[in-house]
N, C-alpha and C. Protein backbone atom coordinates (compact mmCIF):
# COMPACT_ATOMS: atom_id res chain seq x y z
N MET A 1 0.84 -1.20 0.00
CA MET A 1 0.00 0.00 0.00
C MET A 1 0.87 1.25 0.00
N PHE A 2 0.35 2.29 -0.64
CA PHE A 2 1.07 3.55 -0.71
C PHE A 2 0.13 4.65 -0.23
N ASN A 3 0.51 5.35 0.83
CA ASN A 3 -0.34 6.39 1.40
C ASN A 3 0.31 7.76 1.23
N LEU A 4 -0.49 8.68 0.72
CA LEU A 4 0.00 9.99 0.32
C LEU A 4 -0.84 11.09 0.96
N VAL A 5 -0.17 12.12 1.44
CA VAL A 5 -0.88 13.32 1.90
C VAL A 5 -0.61 14.41 0.88
N ILE A 6 -1.67 15.06 0.41
CA ILE A 6 -1.49 16.22 -0.48
C ILE A 6 -1.84 17.44 0.34
N PHE A 7 -1.01 18.44 0.21
CA PHE A 7 -0.95 19.49 1.20
C PHE A 7 -0.77 20.82 0.48
N GLY A 8 -1.45 21.84 0.91
CA GLY A 8 -1.28 23.15 0.30
C GLY A 8 -2.40 24.08 0.73
N ALA A 9 -2.19 25.36 0.49
CA ALA A 9 -3.16 26.38 0.88
C ALA A 9 -4.43 26.27 0.03
N PRO A 10 -5.53 26.91 0.47
CA PRO A 10 -6.73 26.96 -0.37
C PRO A 10 -6.37 27.56 -1.73
N GLY A 11 -6.82 26.90 -2.80
CA GLY A 11 -6.53 27.40 -4.14
C GLY A 11 -5.22 26.91 -4.73
N SER A 12 -4.50 26.04 -4.01
CA SER A 12 -3.19 25.59 -4.50
C SER A 12 -3.31 24.48 -5.55
N GLY A 13 -4.52 23.94 -5.73
CA GLY A 13 -4.71 22.91 -6.76
C GLY A 13 -4.77 21.50 -6.21
N LYS A 14 -5.00 21.36 -4.89
CA LYS A 14 -5.04 20.02 -4.28
C LYS A 14 -6.09 19.13 -4.92
N GLY A 15 -7.29 19.67 -5.12
CA GLY A 15 -8.39 18.87 -5.67
C GLY A 15 -8.08 18.38 -7.07
N THR A 16 -7.57 19.27 -7.91
CA THR A 16 -7.23 18.93 -9.30
C THR A 16 -6.15 17.85 -9.33
N GLN A 17 -5.09 18.06 -8.57
CA GLN A 17 -3.97 17.12 -8.58
C GLN A 17 -4.34 15.80 -7.91
N SER A 18 -5.17 15.85 -6.87
CA SER A 18 -5.62 14.62 -6.20
C SER A 18 -6.29 13.70 -7.20
N GLN A 19 -7.20 14.25 -8.00
CA GLN A 19 -7.94 13.43 -8.96
C GLN A 19 -6.99 12.77 -9.96
N LYS A 20 -6.01 13.53 -10.43
CA LYS A 20 -5.04 12.98 -11.39
C LYS A 20 -4.20 11.87 -10.74
N LEU A 21 -3.84 12.05 -9.47
CA LEU A 21 -3.05 11.04 -8.75
C LEU A 21 -3.87 9.77 -8.50
N ILE A 22 -5.15 9.95 -8.18
CA ILE A 22 -6.05 8.80 -7.98
C ILE A 22 -6.11 7.98 -9.26
N ASP A 23 -6.29 8.68 -10.40
CA ASP A 23 -6.39 8.00 -11.70
C ASP A 23 -5.09 7.26 -12.02
N ARG A 24 -3.96 7.89 -11.73
CA ARG A 24 -2.66 7.30 -12.11
C ARG A 24 -2.29 6.10 -11.23
N TYR A 25 -2.47 6.23 -9.91
CA TYR A 25 -1.97 5.21 -9.00
C TYR A 25 -3.06 4.30 -8.40
N GLY A 26 -4.30 4.56 -8.74
CA GLY A 26 -5.38 3.73 -8.20
C GLY A 26 -5.56 3.90 -6.70
N LEU A 27 -5.31 5.12 -6.21
CA LEU A 27 -5.46 5.39 -4.78
C LEU A 27 -6.92 5.67 -4.44
N THR A 28 -7.26 5.49 -3.19
CA THR A 28 -8.60 5.82 -2.70
C THR A 28 -8.54 7.19 -2.04
N HIS A 29 -9.44 8.06 -2.46
CA HIS A 29 -9.47 9.44 -1.97
C HIS A 29 -10.14 9.48 -0.60
N ILE A 30 -9.45 10.05 0.37
CA ILE A 30 -10.04 10.23 1.70
C ILE A 30 -10.13 11.73 1.96
N SER A 31 -11.36 12.25 1.85
CA SER A 31 -11.62 13.65 2.16
C SER A 31 -12.40 13.68 3.47
N THR A 32 -11.87 14.37 4.45
CA THR A 32 -12.52 14.36 5.76
C THR A 32 -13.95 14.87 5.67
N GLY A 33 -14.18 15.89 4.85
CA GLY A 33 -15.54 16.43 4.69
C GLY A 33 -16.50 15.37 4.17
N ASP A 34 -16.09 14.64 3.13
CA ASP A 34 -16.94 13.59 2.54
C ASP A 34 -17.19 12.47 3.54
N VAL A 35 -16.14 12.06 4.25
CA VAL A 35 -16.26 10.96 5.21
C VAL A 35 -17.23 11.35 6.33
N LEU A 36 -17.10 12.57 6.83
CA LEU A 36 -18.01 13.03 7.90
C LEU A 36 -19.45 13.04 7.42
N ARG A 37 -19.67 13.60 6.23
CA ARG A 37 -21.04 13.67 5.70
C ARG A 37 -21.65 12.28 5.55
N SER A 38 -20.86 11.32 5.06
CA SER A 38 -21.42 9.97 4.86
C SER A 38 -21.71 9.28 6.19
N GLN A 39 -20.86 9.49 7.19
CA GLN A 39 -21.09 8.90 8.53
C GLN A 39 -22.35 9.48 9.16
N ILE A 40 -22.52 10.80 9.02
CA ILE A 40 -23.70 11.46 9.59
C ILE A 40 -24.95 11.00 8.87
N ALA A 41 -24.89 10.95 7.53
CA ALA A 41 -26.05 10.52 6.74
C ALA A 41 -26.44 9.08 7.05
N ALA A 42 -25.43 8.23 7.31
CA ALA A 42 -25.70 6.81 7.60
C ALA A 42 -26.18 6.62 9.04
N GLY A 43 -26.07 7.67 9.86
CA GLY A 43 -26.53 7.58 11.24
C GLY A 43 -25.70 6.65 12.10
N THR A 44 -24.40 6.51 11.76
CA THR A 44 -23.52 5.65 12.57
C THR A 44 -23.32 6.29 13.94
N GLU A 45 -22.84 5.49 14.88
CA GLU A 45 -22.60 6.00 16.23
C GLU A 45 -21.62 7.16 16.19
N LEU A 46 -20.49 6.98 15.45
CA LEU A 46 -19.50 8.06 15.34
C LEU A 46 -20.09 9.26 14.61
N GLY A 47 -20.92 9.01 13.61
CA GLY A 47 -21.58 10.09 12.87
C GLY A 47 -22.47 10.93 13.76
N LYS A 48 -23.19 10.26 14.66
CA LYS A 48 -24.08 10.99 15.59
C LYS A 48 -23.26 11.87 16.53
N ILE A 49 -22.14 11.32 17.01
CA ILE A 49 -21.28 12.10 17.92
C ILE A 49 -20.72 13.32 17.17
N ALA A 50 -20.24 13.08 15.92
CA ALA A 50 -19.69 14.17 15.11
C ALA A 50 -20.74 15.24 14.87
N ASP A 51 -21.97 14.80 14.57
CA ASP A 51 -23.06 15.75 14.28
C ASP A 51 -23.37 16.61 15.49
N SER A 52 -23.21 16.05 16.69
CA SER A 52 -23.50 16.83 17.90
C SER A 52 -22.53 18.01 18.03
N TYR A 53 -21.31 17.86 17.51
CA TYR A 53 -20.35 18.98 17.50
C TYR A 53 -20.67 19.95 16.37
N ILE A 54 -20.85 19.39 15.17
CA ILE A 54 -21.06 20.23 13.98
C ILE A 54 -22.32 21.08 14.13
N SER A 55 -23.40 20.48 14.65
CA SER A 55 -24.67 21.22 14.75
C SER A 55 -24.57 22.41 15.71
N LYS A 56 -23.57 22.37 16.61
CA LYS A 56 -23.36 23.51 17.52
C LYS A 56 -22.31 24.47 16.98
N GLY A 57 -21.80 24.18 15.77
CA GLY A 57 -20.78 25.04 15.17
C GLY A 57 -19.41 24.83 15.76
N CYS A 58 -19.21 23.68 16.43
CA CYS A 58 -17.91 23.38 17.07
C CYS A 58 -17.05 22.51 16.15
N LEU A 59 -15.74 22.60 16.34
CA LEU A 59 -14.81 21.72 15.63
C LEU A 59 -14.86 20.33 16.25
N ILE A 60 -14.72 19.33 15.41
CA ILE A 60 -14.70 17.95 15.89
C ILE A 60 -13.34 17.69 16.52
N PRO A 61 -13.31 17.09 17.72
CA PRO A 61 -12.01 16.78 18.35
C PRO A 61 -11.17 15.87 17.45
N ASP A 62 -9.86 16.07 17.46
CA ASP A 62 -8.95 15.27 16.62
C ASP A 62 -9.15 13.77 16.82
N GLU A 63 -9.31 13.37 18.08
CA GLU A 63 -9.44 11.95 18.40
C GLU A 63 -10.66 11.34 17.69
N LEU A 64 -11.77 12.07 17.70
CA LEU A 64 -12.99 11.59 17.04
C LEU A 64 -12.78 11.52 15.53
N MET A 65 -12.15 12.54 14.97
CA MET A 65 -11.91 12.56 13.52
C MET A 65 -11.04 11.38 13.11
N VAL A 66 -10.02 11.08 13.91
CA VAL A 66 -9.13 9.95 13.60
C VAL A 66 -9.89 8.62 13.72
N ASP A 67 -10.78 8.51 14.72
CA ASP A 67 -11.60 7.29 14.86
C ASP A 67 -12.48 7.09 13.62
N ILE A 68 -13.05 8.19 13.13
CA ILE A 68 -13.91 8.11 11.94
C ILE A 68 -13.07 7.71 10.72
N LEU A 69 -11.89 8.31 10.58
CA LEU A 69 -11.00 7.95 9.47
C LEU A 69 -10.56 6.49 9.56
N ALA A 70 -10.26 6.03 10.78
CA ALA A 70 -9.83 4.64 10.97
C ALA A 70 -10.91 3.68 10.50
N GLN A 71 -12.15 3.99 10.83
CA GLN A 71 -13.28 3.14 10.42
C GLN A 71 -13.38 3.10 8.88
N GLU A 72 -13.20 4.25 8.27
CA GLU A 72 -13.27 4.34 6.80
C GLU A 72 -12.12 3.57 6.15
N ILE A 73 -10.93 3.71 6.70
CA ILE A 73 -9.76 3.00 6.17
C ILE A 73 -9.94 1.49 6.30
N ASP A 74 -10.44 1.05 7.46
CA ASP A 74 -10.66 -0.38 7.66
C ASP A 74 -11.68 -0.92 6.66
N ARG A 75 -12.69 -0.12 6.34
CA ARG A 75 -13.72 -0.54 5.39
C ARG A 75 -13.17 -0.65 3.97
N LEU A 76 -12.28 0.28 3.61
CA LEU A 76 -11.80 0.37 2.22
C LEU A 76 -10.50 -0.38 1.94
N ARG A 77 -9.75 -0.68 2.99
CA ARG A 77 -8.41 -1.30 2.81
C ARG A 77 -8.37 -2.55 1.94
N PRO A 78 -9.32 -3.48 2.10
CA PRO A 78 -9.20 -4.73 1.32
C PRO A 78 -9.19 -4.52 -0.20
N THR A 79 -9.76 -3.41 -0.67
CA THR A 79 -9.85 -3.21 -2.13
C THR A 79 -9.02 -2.01 -2.62
N SER A 80 -8.14 -1.51 -1.77
CA SER A 80 -7.41 -0.28 -2.13
C SER A 80 -5.91 -0.52 -2.30
N ASN A 81 -5.31 0.24 -3.23
CA ASN A 81 -3.84 0.25 -3.39
C ASN A 81 -3.18 1.16 -2.37
N GLY A 82 -3.99 1.99 -1.73
CA GLY A 82 -3.47 2.99 -0.80
C GLY A 82 -4.41 4.17 -0.76
N PHE A 83 -4.07 5.16 0.02
CA PHE A 83 -4.96 6.29 0.24
C PHE A 83 -4.26 7.61 -0.05
N ILE A 84 -5.08 8.55 -0.52
CA ILE A 84 -4.59 9.93 -0.64
C ILE A 84 -5.43 10.76 0.33
N PHE A 85 -4.77 11.38 1.29
CA PHE A 85 -5.45 12.18 2.31
C PHE A 85 -5.50 13.63 1.86
N ASP A 86 -6.71 14.15 1.77
CA ASP A 86 -6.94 15.51 1.29
C ASP A 86 -7.70 16.26 2.39
N GLY A 87 -7.08 17.30 2.94
CA GLY A 87 -7.74 18.07 3.99
C GLY A 87 -7.45 17.56 5.39
N PHE A 88 -6.59 16.57 5.49
CA PHE A 88 -6.20 16.02 6.78
C PHE A 88 -4.84 15.37 6.62
N PRO A 89 -3.91 15.57 7.52
CA PRO A 89 -4.01 16.39 8.73
C PRO A 89 -3.87 17.89 8.43
N ARG A 90 -4.40 18.68 9.36
CA ARG A 90 -4.28 20.14 9.25
C ARG A 90 -3.39 20.73 10.33
N THR A 91 -3.10 19.94 11.34
CA THR A 91 -2.27 20.40 12.46
C THR A 91 -1.29 19.29 12.85
N ILE A 92 -0.28 19.65 13.62
CA ILE A 92 0.70 18.65 14.06
C ILE A 92 0.04 17.58 14.95
N PRO A 93 -0.83 17.94 15.92
CA PRO A 93 -1.49 16.88 16.69
C PRO A 93 -2.28 15.91 15.80
N GLN A 94 -2.91 16.42 14.75
CA GLN A 94 -3.62 15.53 13.82
C GLN A 94 -2.64 14.62 13.08
N ALA A 95 -1.49 15.17 12.69
CA ALA A 95 -0.47 14.36 11.99
C ALA A 95 0.03 13.24 12.91
N GLU A 96 0.22 13.57 14.17
CA GLU A 96 0.69 12.56 15.13
C GLU A 96 -0.37 11.48 15.36
N ALA A 97 -1.64 11.90 15.42
CA ALA A 97 -2.74 10.95 15.61
C ALA A 97 -2.89 10.05 14.39
N LEU A 98 -2.73 10.63 13.20
CA LEU A 98 -2.82 9.84 11.96
C LEU A 98 -1.68 8.82 11.91
N LYS A 99 -0.49 9.25 12.28
CA LYS A 99 0.68 8.36 12.28
C LYS A 99 0.44 7.16 13.20
N LYS A 100 -0.06 7.43 14.39
CA LYS A 100 -0.32 6.38 15.37
C LYS A 100 -1.38 5.41 14.86
N MET A 101 -2.46 5.96 14.31
CA MET A 101 -3.55 5.13 13.81
C MET A 101 -3.08 4.22 12.66
N LEU A 102 -2.27 4.77 11.75
CA LEU A 102 -1.76 3.97 10.63
C LEU A 102 -0.78 2.91 11.13
N GLU A 103 0.07 3.28 12.09
CA GLU A 103 1.04 2.32 12.65
C GLU A 103 0.32 1.11 13.26
N GLN A 104 -0.82 1.35 13.89
CA GLN A 104 -1.60 0.26 14.49
C GLN A 104 -2.09 -0.72 13.42
N ARG A 105 -2.10 -0.27 12.17
CA ARG A 105 -2.54 -1.11 11.05
C ARG A 105 -1.36 -1.55 10.18
N GLY A 106 -0.14 -1.34 10.69
CA GLY A 106 1.05 -1.71 9.93
C GLY A 106 1.26 -0.84 8.71
N GLU A 107 0.75 0.39 8.76
CA GLU A 107 0.83 1.32 7.64
C GLU A 107 1.55 2.60 8.06
N GLU A 108 1.79 3.46 7.08
CA GLU A 108 2.39 4.77 7.36
C GLU A 108 2.04 5.73 6.22
N VAL A 109 2.26 7.01 6.47
CA VAL A 109 2.24 8.00 5.39
C VAL A 109 3.59 7.87 4.70
N HIS A 110 3.57 7.54 3.41
CA HIS A 110 4.83 7.34 2.69
C HIS A 110 5.39 8.64 2.13
N SER A 111 4.50 9.52 1.70
CA SER A 111 4.97 10.73 1.03
C SER A 111 3.98 11.87 1.28
N VAL A 112 4.52 13.07 1.43
CA VAL A 112 3.71 14.28 1.58
C VAL A 112 4.11 15.24 0.47
N ILE A 113 3.15 15.54 -0.38
CA ILE A 113 3.39 16.46 -1.50
C ILE A 113 2.84 17.82 -1.11
N GLY A 114 3.70 18.82 -1.09
CA GLY A 114 3.29 20.18 -0.74
C GLY A 114 3.24 21.06 -1.97
N LEU A 115 2.04 21.49 -2.34
CA LEU A 115 1.89 22.41 -3.48
C LEU A 115 2.15 23.82 -2.98
N GLU A 116 3.25 24.40 -3.46
CA GLU A 116 3.67 25.71 -2.96
C GLU A 116 3.34 26.79 -3.99
N VAL A 117 2.46 27.70 -3.56
CA VAL A 117 1.97 28.76 -4.44
C VAL A 117 2.00 30.07 -3.66
N ALA A 118 2.46 31.14 -4.30
CA ALA A 118 2.52 32.46 -3.65
C ALA A 118 1.11 32.95 -3.30
N ASP A 119 1.00 33.66 -2.16
CA ASP A 119 -0.31 34.15 -1.72
C ASP A 119 -1.02 35.00 -2.78
N GLU A 120 -0.26 35.81 -3.53
CA GLU A 120 -0.87 36.67 -4.56
C GLU A 120 -1.56 35.81 -5.63
N GLU A 121 -0.88 34.73 -6.01
CA GLU A 121 -1.44 33.81 -7.02
C GLU A 121 -2.67 33.09 -6.46
N LEU A 122 -2.61 32.68 -5.19
CA LEU A 122 -3.75 32.01 -4.54
C LEU A 122 -4.96 32.94 -4.53
N MET A 123 -4.71 34.19 -4.15
CA MET A 123 -5.79 35.19 -4.09
C MET A 123 -6.44 35.35 -5.46
N GLU A 124 -5.60 35.46 -6.48
CA GLU A 124 -6.09 35.62 -7.86
C GLU A 124 -6.93 34.42 -8.29
N ARG A 125 -6.42 33.22 -8.03
CA ARG A 125 -7.13 31.98 -8.41
C ARG A 125 -8.48 31.89 -7.71
N LEU A 126 -8.49 32.17 -6.40
CA LEU A 126 -9.72 32.00 -5.62
C LEU A 126 -10.76 33.05 -5.98
N ILE A 127 -10.33 34.27 -6.28
CA ILE A 127 -11.28 35.30 -6.70
C ILE A 127 -11.89 34.90 -8.05
N LYS A 128 -11.04 34.41 -8.95
CA LYS A 128 -11.51 33.94 -10.26
C LYS A 128 -12.49 32.78 -10.10
N ARG A 129 -12.15 31.85 -9.20
CA ARG A 129 -13.04 30.71 -8.95
C ARG A 129 -14.39 31.19 -8.43
N GLY A 130 -14.35 32.19 -7.53
CA GLY A 130 -15.58 32.74 -6.98
C GLY A 130 -16.45 33.37 -8.05
N GLU A 131 -15.80 34.07 -8.99
CA GLU A 131 -16.55 34.70 -10.09
C GLU A 131 -17.20 33.64 -10.98
N GLN A 132 -16.48 32.53 -11.20
CA GLN A 132 -16.99 31.48 -12.10
C GLN A 132 -18.05 30.61 -11.43
N SER A 133 -17.85 30.31 -10.13
CA SER A 133 -18.74 29.36 -9.46
C SER A 133 -19.82 30.04 -8.62
N GLY A 134 -19.62 31.33 -8.36
CA GLY A 134 -20.57 32.04 -7.51
C GLY A 134 -20.41 31.72 -6.03
N ARG A 135 -19.26 31.11 -5.66
CA ARG A 135 -19.02 30.80 -4.24
C ARG A 135 -18.82 32.08 -3.46
N SER A 136 -19.69 32.30 -2.48
CA SER A 136 -19.65 33.56 -1.73
C SER A 136 -18.42 33.67 -0.85
N ASP A 137 -17.80 32.52 -0.49
CA ASP A 137 -16.62 32.61 0.39
C ASP A 137 -15.34 32.90 -0.38
N ASP A 138 -15.41 32.98 -1.71
CA ASP A 138 -14.23 33.33 -2.50
C ASP A 138 -14.20 34.83 -2.79
N ASN A 139 -14.09 35.62 -1.71
CA ASN A 139 -13.94 37.07 -1.84
C ASN A 139 -12.66 37.48 -1.11
N PRO A 140 -12.08 38.64 -1.47
CA PRO A 140 -10.75 38.99 -0.93
C PRO A 140 -10.63 38.92 0.60
N GLU A 141 -11.64 39.40 1.32
CA GLU A 141 -11.53 39.42 2.79
C GLU A 141 -11.52 37.99 3.36
N THR A 142 -12.45 37.17 2.92
CA THR A 142 -12.54 35.79 3.41
C THR A 142 -11.30 34.99 3.00
N ILE A 143 -10.86 35.19 1.77
CA ILE A 143 -9.66 34.49 1.28
C ILE A 143 -8.46 34.86 2.15
N GLY A 144 -8.31 36.15 2.43
CA GLY A 144 -7.20 36.63 3.27
C GLY A 144 -7.21 35.95 4.63
N ASN A 145 -8.42 35.82 5.23
CA ASN A 145 -8.54 35.16 6.53
C ASN A 145 -8.18 33.68 6.44
N ARG A 146 -8.66 33.01 5.37
CA ARG A 146 -8.36 31.58 5.20
C ARG A 146 -6.86 31.36 5.05
N LEU A 147 -6.19 32.25 4.33
CA LEU A 147 -4.74 32.11 4.14
C LEU A 147 -3.99 32.33 5.46
N LYS A 148 -4.48 33.29 6.28
CA LYS A 148 -3.86 33.53 7.59
C LYS A 148 -3.97 32.28 8.47
N VAL A 149 -5.16 31.69 8.50
CA VAL A 149 -5.39 30.48 9.29
C VAL A 149 -4.48 29.36 8.78
N TYR A 150 -4.41 29.22 7.47
CA TYR A 150 -3.56 28.19 6.88
C TYR A 150 -2.10 28.36 7.32
N HIS A 151 -1.58 29.57 7.18
CA HIS A 151 -0.17 29.81 7.53
C HIS A 151 0.11 29.57 9.01
N SER A 152 -0.85 29.92 9.86
CA SER A 152 -0.58 29.79 11.31
C SER A 152 -0.79 28.36 11.82
N THR A 153 -1.78 27.63 11.29
CA THR A 153 -2.07 26.31 11.87
C THR A 153 -1.57 25.15 11.03
N THR A 154 -1.63 25.29 9.71
CA THR A 154 -1.33 24.14 8.86
C THR A 154 0.09 24.12 8.34
N SER A 155 0.65 25.28 8.02
CA SER A 155 1.98 25.26 7.43
C SER A 155 3.07 24.70 8.35
N PRO A 156 2.92 24.72 9.71
CA PRO A 156 3.94 24.04 10.53
C PRO A 156 4.09 22.55 10.20
N LEU A 157 3.07 21.97 9.56
CA LEU A 157 3.17 20.57 9.14
C LEU A 157 4.31 20.35 8.17
N ARG A 158 4.64 21.40 7.43
CA ARG A 158 5.75 21.30 6.47
C ARG A 158 7.04 20.92 7.21
N ASP A 159 7.30 21.60 8.33
CA ASP A 159 8.50 21.30 9.13
C ASP A 159 8.41 19.90 9.74
N TYR A 160 7.21 19.56 10.22
CA TYR A 160 7.00 18.24 10.84
C TYR A 160 7.34 17.12 9.85
N TYR A 161 6.79 17.21 8.64
CA TYR A 161 7.02 16.14 7.65
C TYR A 161 8.41 16.23 7.02
N THR A 162 9.00 17.43 7.00
CA THR A 162 10.38 17.56 6.52
C THR A 162 11.32 16.81 7.46
N LYS A 163 11.10 16.98 8.79
CA LYS A 163 11.92 16.27 9.78
C LYS A 163 11.78 14.76 9.63
N GLU A 164 10.59 14.31 9.22
CA GLU A 164 10.35 12.87 9.02
C GLU A 164 10.90 12.38 7.68
N GLY A 165 11.41 13.32 6.87
CA GLY A 165 11.97 12.95 5.57
C GLY A 165 10.91 12.59 4.53
N LYS A 166 9.69 13.11 4.71
CA LYS A 166 8.58 12.72 3.82
C LYS A 166 8.06 13.86 2.96
N TYR A 167 8.49 15.09 3.25
CA TYR A 167 7.90 16.25 2.57
C TYR A 167 8.64 16.56 1.28
N THR A 168 7.88 16.69 0.20
CA THR A 168 8.44 17.11 -1.09
C THR A 168 7.72 18.37 -1.54
N PRO A 169 8.44 19.51 -1.59
CA PRO A 169 7.79 20.72 -2.10
C PRO A 169 7.70 20.67 -3.62
N ILE A 170 6.55 21.06 -4.14
CA ILE A 170 6.32 21.12 -5.58
C ILE A 170 5.86 22.52 -5.92
N HIS A 171 6.54 23.14 -6.88
CA HIS A 171 6.14 24.48 -7.32
C HIS A 171 4.76 24.35 -7.97
N GLY A 172 3.75 24.94 -7.34
CA GLY A 172 2.37 24.74 -7.76
C GLY A 172 1.83 25.79 -8.73
N GLU A 173 2.74 26.53 -9.38
CA GLU A 173 2.29 27.52 -10.36
C GLU A 173 2.71 27.06 -11.75
N GLY A 174 1.86 27.34 -12.74
CA GLY A 174 2.17 26.90 -14.10
C GLY A 174 1.06 26.01 -14.63
N HIS A 175 1.37 25.25 -15.66
CA HIS A 175 0.37 24.39 -16.29
C HIS A 175 0.08 23.17 -15.41
N VAL A 176 -1.19 22.80 -15.32
CA VAL A 176 -1.64 21.69 -14.48
C VAL A 176 -0.85 20.41 -14.77
N ASP A 177 -0.66 20.09 -16.06
CA ASP A 177 0.03 18.84 -16.42
C ASP A 177 1.51 18.87 -16.05
N GLU A 178 2.09 20.05 -16.16
CA GLU A 178 3.51 20.20 -15.79
C GLU A 178 3.69 19.98 -14.29
N ILE A 179 2.78 20.55 -13.50
CA ILE A 179 2.82 20.37 -12.04
C ILE A 179 2.63 18.89 -11.71
N PHE A 180 1.67 18.26 -12.40
CA PHE A 180 1.39 16.83 -12.18
C PHE A 180 2.62 15.98 -12.49
N ASN A 181 3.29 16.28 -13.59
CA ASN A 181 4.50 15.52 -13.96
C ASN A 181 5.58 15.65 -12.89
N ASN A 182 5.71 16.84 -12.30
CA ASN A 182 6.69 17.04 -11.22
C ASN A 182 6.32 16.21 -9.99
N ILE A 183 5.02 16.12 -9.70
CA ILE A 183 4.56 15.30 -8.56
C ILE A 183 4.87 13.83 -8.83
N VAL A 184 4.54 13.37 -10.04
CA VAL A 184 4.76 11.96 -10.42
C VAL A 184 6.24 11.62 -10.33
N ASN A 185 7.10 12.51 -10.81
CA ASN A 185 8.55 12.27 -10.73
C ASN A 185 9.00 12.12 -9.28
N ALA A 186 8.42 12.94 -8.39
CA ALA A 186 8.79 12.87 -6.96
C ALA A 186 8.30 11.55 -6.36
N ILE A 187 7.07 11.16 -6.69
CA ILE A 187 6.52 9.92 -6.14
C ILE A 187 7.27 8.71 -6.71
N ASP A 188 7.49 8.70 -8.01
CA ASP A 188 8.15 7.55 -8.64
C ASP A 188 9.59 7.39 -8.18
N GLY A 189 10.16 8.48 -7.67
CA GLY A 189 11.53 8.42 -7.14
C GLY A 189 11.57 7.88 -5.71
N SER A 190 10.38 7.67 -5.12
CA SER A 190 10.30 7.18 -3.75
C SER A 190 10.37 5.66 -3.73
N PRO A 191 11.15 5.07 -2.80
CA PRO A 191 11.21 3.61 -2.73
C PRO A 191 9.87 2.99 -2.39
N CYS A 192 8.98 3.77 -1.75
CA CYS A 192 7.68 3.22 -1.31
C CYS A 192 6.73 2.99 -2.47
N VAL A 193 6.99 3.65 -3.61
CA VAL A 193 6.05 3.54 -4.72
C VAL A 193 6.01 2.11 -5.29
N LYS A 194 7.04 1.35 -5.02
CA LYS A 194 7.06 -0.04 -5.49
C LYS A 194 5.92 -0.85 -4.88
N ALA A 195 5.37 -0.32 -3.77
CA ALA A 195 4.28 -1.04 -3.11
C ALA A 195 2.98 -0.95 -3.92
N ILE A 196 2.92 -0.01 -4.86
CA ILE A 196 1.68 0.16 -5.63
C ILE A 196 1.57 -0.94 -6.68
C-alpha cells in the first residue's frame, strides 16, 4: 500500500492534482468532509457524535476525527492500493494521531506532496473561482482570513514532515500537467512507490 498526503493552501490545486493522482496510482481518496457527511447521513454511532459537535458550530475533536478515518480506512483497505489524504491532517497533533492510527494497522504515510503557491497567485485563483462558481466565500476578505489560518495552523506541518523525511515541495504555479509531472517524478523516485 502507498499512502500519500497532499498538502497546500486553499486554491493551490489540491483537488485537481488529487484526482489525477487517484487515476494514475489507483489510490482511494479520503476527504474528511466527505467521510463526515457519509457517517452522519448513515446515522452511525460516530456520525451521531460528530453531528453533535457540527450542529453547535464546534470543531470535531482530533481523536474523534481519527476514529472516523480509521473506520473508513478499515472498510476500504481490502480493495485499495493505498490512500490519498486531502484536507487532513491540518495540524501537528492531527499528523501525530494519523501516524499512530496507521502504525496500528502496519501502515504509514509514505509521502507528503506540498503544493507551494505564492499568496498573490492564490488570491487571484480564488477570486476567479468565486466569479466562475458564484461561491460567496471566495472574496478577498474571506480568502485573506483563510490564508492567515492556513499559515498559522497548517503550514507548521511542512516542518514536521520535513523532519520525518517525507515532505516534497512542488512548485504549484504553471500548467496543471507540468505540475502533475513534477509530482509523479517525486513519487516515482520514492522507494515506497514499489508497493503500488
